[in-house]
Amino acid sequence: MKNSLKKPNILHIETVARSQLFTVEAVDLAFSNGVRRVYERIKPSEQEAVMVVPIINEHVVLIQEYAVGLETYELGFPKGLIDPSENVFEAANRELKEEVGFGAKKLEFLSKLTMAPSYFASMMNIILAEGLYPERLEGDEPEPLIERRWPLKNLMGLLQASDFSEARNVSALFLVREWLVRQGRISY
């Protein structure tokens, strides 16, 4: 579907706040109908991230990691930023080794997702990992991550887990389910 809307003109961008992780910008926009608005966003970065869905012995491998925004432990797939010297598959394998202690012989790109594009320009690459073998790299996590395995035959049961709620993880779950169905490994 072709976009018939005309993008607004950016009249001015101003940094309004900085932290160790984020720079917040105010973006003054003029829309084609004459309306002006100031939106706030996290300053865009070219650095993308990966989320890895590892499969071993008919289970997906997840980790429990502290989520300070919710002040609780959340269940999800290994993830992290792609370093400037890495491609998406190298980053996926590194994150897998750091967070779960496995490398992967087979990595498959499933999709690229955005998160809250009204505020962030970040891109998350969803990667499926198979052919896992033990290999651990030192990561930057402040505490050891707890590994949990979930059976492929009850994959959608993850949606009932109270600690599996982050939208990128849920999206990755549906992408993996569709991939597994196309491979004939599971059915609805």
N, C-alpha and C. Protein backbone atom coordinates (compact mmCIF):
# COMPACT_ATOMS: atom_id res chain seq x y z
N MET A 1 0.85 -1.17 0.00
CA MET A 1 0.00 0.00 0.00
C MET A 1 0.89 1.23 0.00
N LYS A 2 0.65 2.11 -0.92
CA LYS A 2 1.46 3.32 -1.03
C LYS A 2 0.95 4.37 -0.05
N ASN A 3 1.89 5.04 0.60
CA ASN A 3 1.56 6.10 1.55
C ASN A 3 1.25 7.37 0.79
N SER A 4 0.01 7.87 0.93
CA SER A 4 -0.37 9.08 0.21
C SER A 4 -0.24 10.34 1.09
N LEU A 5 0.16 10.17 2.33
CA LEU A 5 0.32 11.32 3.22
C LEU A 5 1.67 11.99 2.98
N LYS A 6 1.68 13.30 3.09
CA LYS A 6 2.93 14.06 2.97
C LYS A 6 3.54 14.18 4.35
N LYS A 7 4.80 13.82 4.44
CA LYS A 7 5.49 13.91 5.74
C LYS A 7 5.56 15.36 6.20
N PRO A 8 5.43 15.58 7.52
CA PRO A 8 5.55 16.95 8.02
C PRO A 8 6.98 17.47 7.85
N ASN A 9 7.10 18.79 7.80
CA ASN A 9 8.41 19.42 7.75
C ASN A 9 8.95 19.56 9.17
N ILE A 10 10.21 19.19 9.33
CA ILE A 10 10.87 19.39 10.61
C ILE A 10 11.43 20.80 10.61
N LEU A 11 10.90 21.63 11.51
CA LEU A 11 11.31 23.04 11.57
C LEU A 11 12.51 23.24 12.48
N HIS A 12 12.56 22.44 13.58
CA HIS A 12 13.64 22.61 14.55
C HIS A 12 13.72 21.36 15.43
N ILE A 13 14.95 20.98 15.78
CA ILE A 13 15.17 19.88 16.72
C ILE A 13 16.05 20.43 17.83
N GLU A 14 15.63 20.20 19.07
CA GLU A 14 16.37 20.70 20.23
C GLU A 14 16.52 19.59 21.27
N THR A 15 17.72 19.44 21.82
CA THR A 15 17.94 18.50 22.91
C THR A 15 17.35 19.09 24.18
N VAL A 16 16.45 18.33 24.83
CA VAL A 16 15.80 18.83 26.04
C VAL A 16 16.22 18.08 27.30
N ALA A 17 16.87 16.91 27.16
CA ALA A 17 17.34 16.14 28.32
C ALA A 17 18.36 15.11 27.87
N ARG A 18 19.27 14.80 28.79
CA ARG A 18 20.30 13.77 28.54
C ARG A 18 20.45 12.92 29.79
N SER A 19 20.71 11.63 29.56
CA SER A 19 21.08 10.72 30.64
C SER A 19 22.26 9.89 30.13
N GLN A 20 22.66 8.90 30.91
CA GLN A 20 23.75 8.04 30.44
C GLN A 20 23.34 7.25 29.21
N LEU A 21 22.07 6.92 29.09
CA LEU A 21 21.60 6.08 27.99
C LEU A 21 20.86 6.83 26.89
N PHE A 22 20.17 7.92 27.24
CA PHE A 22 19.25 8.53 26.29
C PHE A 22 19.49 10.03 26.15
N THR A 23 19.20 10.51 24.94
CA THR A 23 19.10 11.94 24.67
C THR A 23 17.68 12.17 24.19
N VAL A 24 16.96 13.07 24.86
CA VAL A 24 15.58 13.37 24.49
C VAL A 24 15.58 14.64 23.65
N GLU A 25 14.90 14.56 22.52
CA GLU A 25 14.81 15.70 21.62
C GLU A 25 13.36 16.19 21.52
N ALA A 26 13.19 17.51 21.40
CA ALA A 26 11.91 18.10 21.04
C ALA A 26 11.99 18.40 19.55
N VAL A 27 11.01 17.92 18.80
CA VAL A 27 11.00 18.07 17.35
C VAL A 27 9.79 18.92 16.98
N ASP A 28 10.06 20.11 16.46
CA ASP A 28 9.01 21.06 16.05
C ASP A 28 8.62 20.71 14.62
N LEU A 29 7.35 20.33 14.42
CA LEU A 29 6.86 19.88 13.12
C LEU A 29 5.77 20.78 12.58
N ALA A 30 5.76 20.93 11.25
CA ALA A 30 4.67 21.61 10.54
C ALA A 30 4.05 20.58 9.60
N PHE A 31 2.77 20.26 9.84
CA PHE A 31 2.06 19.29 9.01
C PHE A 31 1.51 19.97 7.76
N SER A 32 1.22 19.17 6.74
CA SER A 32 0.78 19.71 5.45
C SER A 32 -0.54 20.48 5.55
N ASN A 33 -1.32 20.25 6.59
CA ASN A 33 -2.58 20.98 6.76
C ASN A 33 -2.40 22.27 7.56
N GLY A 34 -1.14 22.63 7.86
CA GLY A 34 -0.84 23.87 8.57
C GLY A 34 -0.72 23.74 10.08
N VAL A 35 -1.07 22.58 10.63
CA VAL A 35 -0.98 22.38 12.07
C VAL A 35 0.48 22.19 12.47
N ARG A 36 0.86 22.83 13.58
CA ARG A 36 2.22 22.67 14.13
C ARG A 36 2.13 21.97 15.47
N ARG A 37 3.08 21.09 15.72
CA ARG A 37 3.17 20.37 16.99
C ARG A 37 4.64 20.18 17.33
N VAL A 38 4.90 20.07 18.64
CA VAL A 38 6.23 19.70 19.13
C VAL A 38 6.10 18.30 19.72
N TYR A 39 6.82 17.36 19.14
CA TYR A 39 6.85 15.98 19.63
C TYR A 39 8.18 15.76 20.34
N GLU A 40 8.19 14.84 21.29
CA GLU A 40 9.44 14.44 21.93
C GLU A 40 9.77 13.01 21.51
N ARG A 41 11.07 12.77 21.36
CA ARG A 41 11.54 11.45 20.96
C ARG A 41 12.90 11.20 21.55
N ILE A 42 13.27 9.94 21.62
CA ILE A 42 14.65 9.57 21.93
C ILE A 42 15.45 9.80 20.65
N LYS A 43 16.60 10.46 20.77
CA LYS A 43 17.42 10.76 19.60
C LYS A 43 17.70 9.48 18.81
N PRO A 44 17.43 9.51 17.51
CA PRO A 44 17.65 8.32 16.69
C PRO A 44 19.12 7.90 16.65
N SER A 45 19.32 6.59 16.56
CA SER A 45 20.65 6.01 16.46
C SER A 45 20.63 5.01 15.32
N GLU A 46 21.74 4.85 14.68
CA GLU A 46 21.86 3.85 13.61
C GLU A 46 22.09 2.45 14.17
N GLN A 47 22.39 2.35 15.47
CA GLN A 47 22.72 1.06 16.08
C GLN A 47 21.45 0.23 16.28
N GLU A 48 21.44 -0.96 15.68
CA GLU A 48 20.31 -1.87 15.81
C GLU A 48 20.59 -2.90 16.90
N ALA A 49 19.58 -3.72 17.18
CA ALA A 49 19.70 -4.75 18.21
C ALA A 49 19.24 -6.09 17.64
N VAL A 50 19.53 -7.15 18.39
CA VAL A 50 19.08 -8.50 18.03
C VAL A 50 18.33 -9.12 19.20
N MET A 51 17.36 -9.95 18.85
CA MET A 51 16.70 -10.82 19.81
C MET A 51 16.81 -12.22 19.23
N VAL A 52 17.30 -13.15 20.04
CA VAL A 52 17.59 -14.50 19.57
C VAL A 52 16.60 -15.47 20.20
N VAL A 53 15.96 -16.28 19.35
CA VAL A 53 15.07 -17.33 19.84
C VAL A 53 15.79 -18.66 19.62
N PRO A 54 16.45 -19.17 20.69
CA PRO A 54 17.18 -20.43 20.57
C PRO A 54 16.25 -21.63 20.72
N ILE A 55 16.48 -22.66 19.91
CA ILE A 55 15.70 -23.91 20.01
C ILE A 55 16.68 -25.05 20.22
N ILE A 56 16.40 -25.86 21.26
CA ILE A 56 17.21 -27.03 21.55
C ILE A 56 16.29 -28.12 22.11
N ASN A 57 16.43 -29.32 21.60
CA ASN A 57 15.66 -30.48 22.09
C ASN A 57 14.17 -30.18 22.18
N GLU A 58 13.60 -29.62 21.11
CA GLU A 58 12.17 -29.31 21.03
C GLU A 58 11.68 -28.35 22.11
N HIS A 59 12.58 -27.47 22.55
CA HIS A 59 12.25 -26.40 23.51
C HIS A 59 12.84 -25.08 23.02
N VAL A 60 12.16 -23.97 23.33
CA VAL A 60 12.79 -22.67 23.18
C VAL A 60 13.50 -22.37 24.50
N VAL A 61 14.61 -21.66 24.39
CA VAL A 61 15.39 -21.29 25.57
C VAL A 61 15.13 -19.82 25.86
N LEU A 62 14.74 -19.54 27.10
CA LEU A 62 14.47 -18.18 27.55
C LEU A 62 15.37 -17.86 28.73
N ILE A 63 15.39 -16.58 29.09
CA ILE A 63 16.13 -16.15 30.27
C ILE A 63 15.21 -15.31 31.15
N GLN A 64 15.51 -15.34 32.44
CA GLN A 64 14.85 -14.42 33.37
C GLN A 64 15.85 -13.33 33.68
N GLU A 65 15.40 -12.08 33.50
CA GLU A 65 16.29 -10.93 33.66
C GLU A 65 15.51 -9.82 34.34
N TYR A 66 16.21 -9.08 35.21
CA TYR A 66 15.56 -8.00 35.94
C TYR A 66 15.18 -6.87 34.98
N ALA A 67 13.93 -6.42 35.08
CA ALA A 67 13.42 -5.31 34.27
C ALA A 67 13.13 -4.15 35.21
N VAL A 68 14.00 -3.18 35.25
CA VAL A 68 13.88 -2.08 36.21
C VAL A 68 12.63 -1.24 35.99
N GLY A 69 12.15 -1.16 34.74
CA GLY A 69 10.94 -0.40 34.48
C GLY A 69 9.73 -0.95 35.21
N LEU A 70 9.67 -2.28 35.31
CA LEU A 70 8.57 -2.94 36.02
C LEU A 70 8.94 -3.33 37.44
N GLU A 71 10.23 -3.23 37.76
CA GLU A 71 10.75 -3.62 39.07
C GLU A 71 10.43 -5.07 39.41
N THR A 72 10.67 -5.94 38.40
CA THR A 72 10.43 -7.36 38.58
C THR A 72 11.30 -8.13 37.58
N TYR A 73 11.31 -9.45 37.71
CA TYR A 73 12.03 -10.29 36.77
C TYR A 73 11.08 -10.68 35.65
N GLU A 74 11.56 -10.56 34.43
CA GLU A 74 10.78 -10.89 33.25
C GLU A 74 11.42 -12.05 32.51
N LEU A 75 10.58 -12.85 31.89
CA LEU A 75 11.01 -13.98 31.08
C LEU A 75 11.05 -13.52 29.63
N GLY A 76 12.14 -13.78 28.93
CA GLY A 76 12.24 -13.36 27.54
C GLY A 76 13.38 -14.04 26.82
N PHE A 77 13.56 -13.67 25.59
CA PHE A 77 14.61 -14.22 24.76
C PHE A 77 15.87 -13.38 24.90
N PRO A 78 17.05 -14.00 24.73
CA PRO A 78 18.30 -13.23 24.79
C PRO A 78 18.30 -12.09 23.76
N LYS A 79 18.86 -10.95 24.16
CA LYS A 79 18.86 -9.80 23.26
C LYS A 79 19.99 -8.85 23.62
N GLY A 80 20.32 -7.98 22.69
CA GLY A 80 21.34 -6.97 22.94
C GLY A 80 21.64 -6.18 21.69
N LEU A 81 22.47 -5.17 21.87
CA LEU A 81 22.85 -4.29 20.76
C LEU A 81 23.84 -4.97 19.82
N ILE A 82 23.79 -4.59 18.57
CA ILE A 82 24.77 -5.04 17.58
C ILE A 82 25.95 -4.09 17.66
N ASP A 83 27.13 -4.63 17.96
CA ASP A 83 28.33 -3.81 18.02
C ASP A 83 28.68 -3.31 16.61
N PRO A 84 29.33 -2.14 16.51
CA PRO A 84 29.65 -1.57 15.18
C PRO A 84 30.46 -2.51 14.28
N SER A 85 31.27 -3.39 14.86
CA SER A 85 32.10 -4.29 14.05
C SER A 85 31.40 -5.59 13.68
N GLU A 86 30.13 -5.78 14.09
CA GLU A 86 29.43 -7.04 13.89
C GLU A 86 28.33 -6.93 12.84
N ASN A 87 28.02 -8.08 12.22
CA ASN A 87 26.78 -8.16 11.46
C ASN A 87 25.72 -8.75 12.37
N VAL A 88 24.49 -8.84 11.89
CA VAL A 88 23.38 -9.27 12.73
C VAL A 88 23.58 -10.70 13.27
N PHE A 89 24.15 -11.59 12.47
CA PHE A 89 24.34 -12.98 12.90
C PHE A 89 25.47 -13.11 13.92
N GLU A 90 26.54 -12.35 13.73
CA GLU A 90 27.63 -12.36 14.73
C GLU A 90 27.12 -11.83 16.07
N ALA A 91 26.33 -10.78 16.04
CA ALA A 91 25.78 -10.23 17.28
C ALA A 91 24.83 -11.23 17.94
N ALA A 92 24.00 -11.90 17.15
CA ALA A 92 23.07 -12.89 17.70
C ALA A 92 23.83 -14.02 18.38
N ASN A 93 24.87 -14.51 17.73
CA ASN A 93 25.66 -15.60 18.31
C ASN A 93 26.39 -15.15 19.57
N ARG A 94 26.91 -13.93 19.57
CA ARG A 94 27.59 -13.41 20.76
C ARG A 94 26.62 -13.27 21.92
N GLU A 95 25.46 -12.67 21.68
CA GLU A 95 24.47 -12.52 22.75
C GLU A 95 24.03 -13.87 23.29
N LEU A 96 23.86 -14.83 22.43
CA LEU A 96 23.48 -16.18 22.84
C LEU A 96 24.54 -16.80 23.76
N LYS A 97 25.79 -16.62 23.38
CA LYS A 97 26.90 -17.15 24.20
C LYS A 97 26.99 -16.41 25.54
N GLU A 98 26.79 -15.11 25.54
CA GLU A 98 26.88 -14.33 26.77
C GLU A 98 25.72 -14.61 27.72
N GLU A 99 24.52 -14.69 27.20
CA GLU A 99 23.34 -14.75 28.05
C GLU A 99 22.85 -16.16 28.36
N VAL A 100 23.14 -17.13 27.47
CA VAL A 100 22.63 -18.48 27.68
C VAL A 100 23.75 -19.53 27.76
N GLY A 101 24.93 -19.21 27.25
CA GLY A 101 26.03 -20.17 27.29
C GLY A 101 26.01 -21.17 26.15
N PHE A 102 25.40 -20.78 25.02
CA PHE A 102 25.37 -21.62 23.83
C PHE A 102 25.76 -20.78 22.62
N GLY A 103 26.43 -21.43 21.67
CA GLY A 103 26.60 -20.88 20.34
C GLY A 103 25.62 -21.60 19.43
N ALA A 104 25.46 -21.11 18.21
CA ALA A 104 24.52 -21.73 17.27
C ALA A 104 25.21 -22.01 15.94
N LYS A 105 24.97 -23.20 15.40
CA LYS A 105 25.49 -23.55 14.08
C LYS A 105 24.60 -23.02 12.97
N LYS A 106 23.31 -22.78 13.29
CA LYS A 106 22.36 -22.30 12.27
C LYS A 106 21.62 -21.09 12.84
N LEU A 107 21.71 -19.98 12.13
CA LEU A 107 21.00 -18.76 12.49
C LEU A 107 20.15 -18.34 11.30
N GLU A 108 18.89 -18.01 11.56
CA GLU A 108 17.98 -17.61 10.49
C GLU A 108 17.30 -16.30 10.87
N PHE A 109 17.37 -15.34 9.96
CA PHE A 109 16.70 -14.06 10.13
C PHE A 109 15.21 -14.25 9.93
N LEU A 110 14.39 -13.78 10.90
CA LEU A 110 12.94 -13.89 10.78
C LEU A 110 12.27 -12.56 10.42
N SER A 111 12.70 -11.48 11.06
CA SER A 111 12.06 -10.19 10.81
C SER A 111 12.83 -9.08 11.50
N LYS A 112 12.48 -7.86 11.13
CA LYS A 112 13.01 -6.67 11.80
C LYS A 112 11.81 -5.90 12.32
N LEU A 113 11.81 -5.56 13.62
CA LEU A 113 10.68 -4.91 14.26
C LEU A 113 11.08 -3.55 14.81
N THR A 114 10.09 -2.68 14.92
CA THR A 114 10.28 -1.42 15.64
C THR A 114 9.54 -1.51 16.96
N MET A 115 9.87 -0.63 17.86
CA MET A 115 9.18 -0.56 19.14
C MET A 115 8.82 0.89 19.40
N ALA A 116 7.55 1.17 19.60
CA ALA A 116 7.07 2.53 19.89
C ALA A 116 7.70 3.55 18.93
N PRO A 117 7.44 3.40 17.60
CA PRO A 117 8.09 4.28 16.63
C PRO A 117 7.71 5.76 16.76
N SER A 118 6.70 6.07 17.54
CA SER A 118 6.40 7.48 17.79
C SER A 118 7.45 8.13 18.68
N TYR A 119 8.22 7.32 19.40
CA TYR A 119 9.21 7.84 20.33
C TYR A 119 10.63 7.33 20.09
N PHE A 120 10.76 6.15 19.46
CA PHE A 120 12.06 5.53 19.26
C PHE A 120 12.26 5.18 17.80
N ALA A 121 13.50 5.22 17.35
CA ALA A 121 13.83 4.79 16.00
C ALA A 121 14.55 3.45 16.03
N SER A 122 14.50 2.75 17.16
CA SER A 122 15.28 1.51 17.30
C SER A 122 14.70 0.37 16.47
N MET A 123 15.59 -0.48 15.99
CA MET A 123 15.22 -1.64 15.19
C MET A 123 15.73 -2.90 15.88
N MET A 124 14.85 -3.89 16.02
CA MET A 124 15.19 -5.17 16.65
C MET A 124 15.10 -6.26 15.58
N ASN A 125 16.21 -6.95 15.35
CA ASN A 125 16.28 -8.05 14.40
C ASN A 125 15.97 -9.34 15.15
N ILE A 126 14.96 -10.08 14.69
CA ILE A 126 14.57 -11.33 15.33
C ILE A 126 15.25 -12.47 14.59
N ILE A 127 16.04 -13.26 15.34
CA ILE A 127 16.85 -14.33 14.78
C ILE A 127 16.50 -15.65 15.45
N LEU A 128 16.31 -16.70 14.67
CA LEU A 128 16.11 -18.05 15.18
C LEU A 128 17.46 -18.74 15.22
N ALA A 129 17.75 -19.43 16.33
CA ALA A 129 19.04 -20.13 16.48
C ALA A 129 18.80 -21.62 16.73
N GLU A 130 19.48 -22.45 15.95
CA GLU A 130 19.41 -23.91 16.12
C GLU A 130 20.81 -24.49 16.02
N GLY A 131 20.91 -25.78 16.27
CA GLY A 131 22.21 -26.44 16.26
C GLY A 131 23.07 -25.89 17.39
N LEU A 132 22.50 -25.80 18.58
CA LEU A 132 23.20 -25.18 19.71
C LEU A 132 24.29 -26.10 20.26
N TYR A 133 25.37 -25.48 20.69
CA TYR A 133 26.50 -26.18 21.32
C TYR A 133 26.98 -25.33 22.49
N PRO A 134 27.49 -25.95 23.54
CA PRO A 134 27.91 -25.18 24.71
C PRO A 134 29.11 -24.29 24.41
N GLU A 135 28.97 -23.02 24.69
CA GLU A 135 30.08 -22.06 24.63
C GLU A 135 29.63 -20.80 25.36
N ARG A 136 30.42 -20.37 26.31
CA ARG A 136 30.04 -19.20 27.10
C ARG A 136 31.05 -18.09 26.89
N LEU A 137 30.54 -16.87 26.74
CA LEU A 137 31.35 -15.66 26.71
C LEU A 137 30.94 -14.80 27.90
N GLU A 138 31.88 -14.03 28.40
CA GLU A 138 31.57 -13.08 29.49
C GLU A 138 30.72 -11.96 28.93
N GLY A 139 29.60 -11.70 29.59
CA GLY A 139 28.71 -10.63 29.16
C GLY A 139 28.76 -9.45 30.10
N ASP A 140 27.83 -8.53 29.95
CA ASP A 140 27.81 -7.34 30.78
C ASP A 140 26.67 -7.35 31.80
N GLU A 141 26.03 -8.50 31.99
CA GLU A 141 24.94 -8.59 32.94
C GLU A 141 25.47 -8.48 34.37
N PRO A 142 24.74 -7.79 35.24
CA PRO A 142 25.20 -7.60 36.62
C PRO A 142 25.05 -8.85 37.50
N GLU A 143 24.26 -9.82 37.05
CA GLU A 143 24.07 -11.07 37.79
C GLU A 143 23.84 -12.19 36.79
N PRO A 144 24.08 -13.44 37.20
CA PRO A 144 23.82 -14.55 36.27
C PRO A 144 22.34 -14.59 35.87
N LEU A 145 22.10 -14.86 34.59
CA LEU A 145 20.74 -14.96 34.10
C LEU A 145 20.26 -16.40 34.26
N ILE A 146 19.01 -16.54 34.64
CA ILE A 146 18.44 -17.87 34.84
C ILE A 146 17.84 -18.35 33.52
N GLU A 147 18.26 -19.53 33.09
CA GLU A 147 17.76 -20.12 31.85
C GLU A 147 16.50 -20.93 32.15
N ARG A 148 15.51 -20.78 31.27
CA ARG A 148 14.30 -21.60 31.35
C ARG A 148 14.00 -22.13 29.96
N ARG A 149 13.56 -23.36 29.91
CA ARG A 149 13.19 -23.98 28.63
C ARG A 149 11.69 -24.20 28.60
N TRP A 150 11.13 -23.94 27.41
CA TRP A 150 9.69 -24.06 27.24
C TRP A 150 9.43 -24.97 26.04
N PRO A 151 8.58 -25.99 26.19
CA PRO A 151 8.37 -26.96 25.10
C PRO A 151 7.69 -26.34 23.87
N LEU A 152 8.20 -26.70 22.70
CA LEU A 152 7.61 -26.22 21.45
C LEU A 152 6.15 -26.64 21.32
N LYS A 153 5.81 -27.83 21.84
CA LYS A 153 4.43 -28.32 21.71
C LYS A 153 3.44 -27.45 22.50
N ASN A 154 3.92 -26.62 23.43
CA ASN A 154 3.07 -25.70 24.18
C ASN A 154 3.58 -24.26 24.03
N LEU A 155 4.10 -23.94 22.87
CA LEU A 155 4.74 -22.65 22.64
C LEU A 155 3.82 -21.48 22.99
N MET A 156 2.57 -21.54 22.57
CA MET A 156 1.66 -20.42 22.80
C MET A 156 1.23 -20.34 24.26
N GLY A 157 1.51 -21.36 25.05
CA GLY A 157 1.26 -21.30 26.48
C GLY A 157 2.09 -20.23 27.17
N LEU A 158 3.17 -19.81 26.52
CA LEU A 158 3.98 -18.71 27.08
C LEU A 158 3.15 -17.45 27.27
N LEU A 159 2.14 -17.27 26.45
CA LEU A 159 1.29 -16.08 26.56
C LEU A 159 0.53 -16.04 27.89
N GLN A 160 0.40 -17.18 28.54
CA GLN A 160 -0.29 -17.23 29.84
C GLN A 160 0.67 -16.98 31.00
N ALA A 161 1.97 -16.98 30.74
CA ALA A 161 2.95 -16.75 31.80
C ALA A 161 2.93 -15.28 32.19
N SER A 162 2.71 -14.99 33.45
CA SER A 162 2.59 -13.59 33.90
C SER A 162 3.88 -12.80 33.72
N ASP A 163 5.02 -13.49 33.65
CA ASP A 163 6.30 -12.79 33.50
C ASP A 163 6.79 -12.77 32.05
N PHE A 164 5.94 -13.14 31.10
CA PHE A 164 6.28 -13.08 29.67
C PHE A 164 5.30 -12.11 29.02
N SER A 165 5.63 -10.82 29.06
CA SER A 165 4.66 -9.82 28.61
C SER A 165 5.23 -8.75 27.69
N GLU A 166 6.54 -8.71 27.53
CA GLU A 166 7.15 -7.65 26.73
C GLU A 166 6.80 -7.85 25.25
N ALA A 167 6.37 -6.78 24.59
CA ALA A 167 5.82 -6.86 23.23
C ALA A 167 6.80 -7.45 22.22
N ARG A 168 8.08 -7.14 22.31
CA ARG A 168 9.03 -7.70 21.34
C ARG A 168 9.14 -9.21 21.51
N ASN A 169 9.11 -9.70 22.74
CA ASN A 169 9.15 -11.14 22.98
C ASN A 169 7.89 -11.81 22.43
N VAL A 170 6.74 -11.20 22.66
CA VAL A 170 5.48 -11.77 22.15
C VAL A 170 5.51 -11.79 20.62
N SER A 171 5.99 -10.72 20.01
CA SER A 171 6.10 -10.70 18.54
C SER A 171 7.03 -11.79 18.05
N ALA A 172 8.17 -11.96 18.70
CA ALA A 172 9.12 -13.01 18.31
C ALA A 172 8.48 -14.39 18.44
N LEU A 173 7.69 -14.59 19.48
CA LEU A 173 6.99 -15.86 19.68
C LEU A 173 6.10 -16.19 18.48
N PHE A 174 5.32 -15.21 18.02
CA PHE A 174 4.45 -15.44 16.87
C PHE A 174 5.25 -15.67 15.59
N LEU A 175 6.34 -14.95 15.40
CA LEU A 175 7.19 -15.16 14.23
C LEU A 175 7.79 -16.56 14.22
N VAL A 176 8.24 -17.02 15.37
CA VAL A 176 8.82 -18.36 15.47
C VAL A 176 7.74 -19.42 15.25
N ARG A 177 6.56 -19.19 15.82
CA ARG A 177 5.48 -20.16 15.60
C ARG A 177 5.19 -20.30 14.11
N GLU A 178 5.08 -19.20 13.39
CA GLU A 178 4.80 -19.26 11.96
C GLU A 178 5.93 -19.97 11.21
N TRP A 179 7.16 -19.72 11.60
CA TRP A 179 8.31 -20.38 10.96
C TRP A 179 8.24 -21.88 11.21
N LEU A 180 7.95 -22.28 12.45
CA LEU A 180 7.87 -23.71 12.80
C LEU A 180 6.72 -24.40 12.05
N VAL A 181 5.60 -23.72 11.88
CA VAL A 181 4.47 -24.26 11.14
C VAL A 181 4.87 -24.47 9.68
N ARG A 182 5.54 -23.48 9.07
CA ARG A 182 5.99 -23.61 7.67
C ARG A 182 6.98 -24.77 7.51
N GLN A 183 7.78 -25.04 8.55
CA GLN A 183 8.74 -26.13 8.51
C GLN A 183 8.08 -27.49 8.79
N GLY A 184 6.81 -27.48 9.18
CA GLY A 184 6.10 -28.72 9.50
C GLY A 184 6.47 -29.29 10.86
N ARG A 185 7.05 -28.47 11.71
CA ARG A 185 7.50 -28.98 13.02
C ARG A 185 6.43 -28.86 14.10
N ILE A 186 5.49 -27.94 13.93
CA ILE A 186 4.34 -27.84 14.82
C ILE A 186 3.13 -27.48 13.98
N SER A 187 1.94 -27.64 14.56
CA SER A 187 0.72 -27.20 13.89
C SER A 187 -0.14 -26.47 14.92
N TYR A 188 -1.09 -25.73 14.45
CA TYR A 188 -1.98 -25.02 15.36
C TYR A 188 -2.96 -26.00 15.94
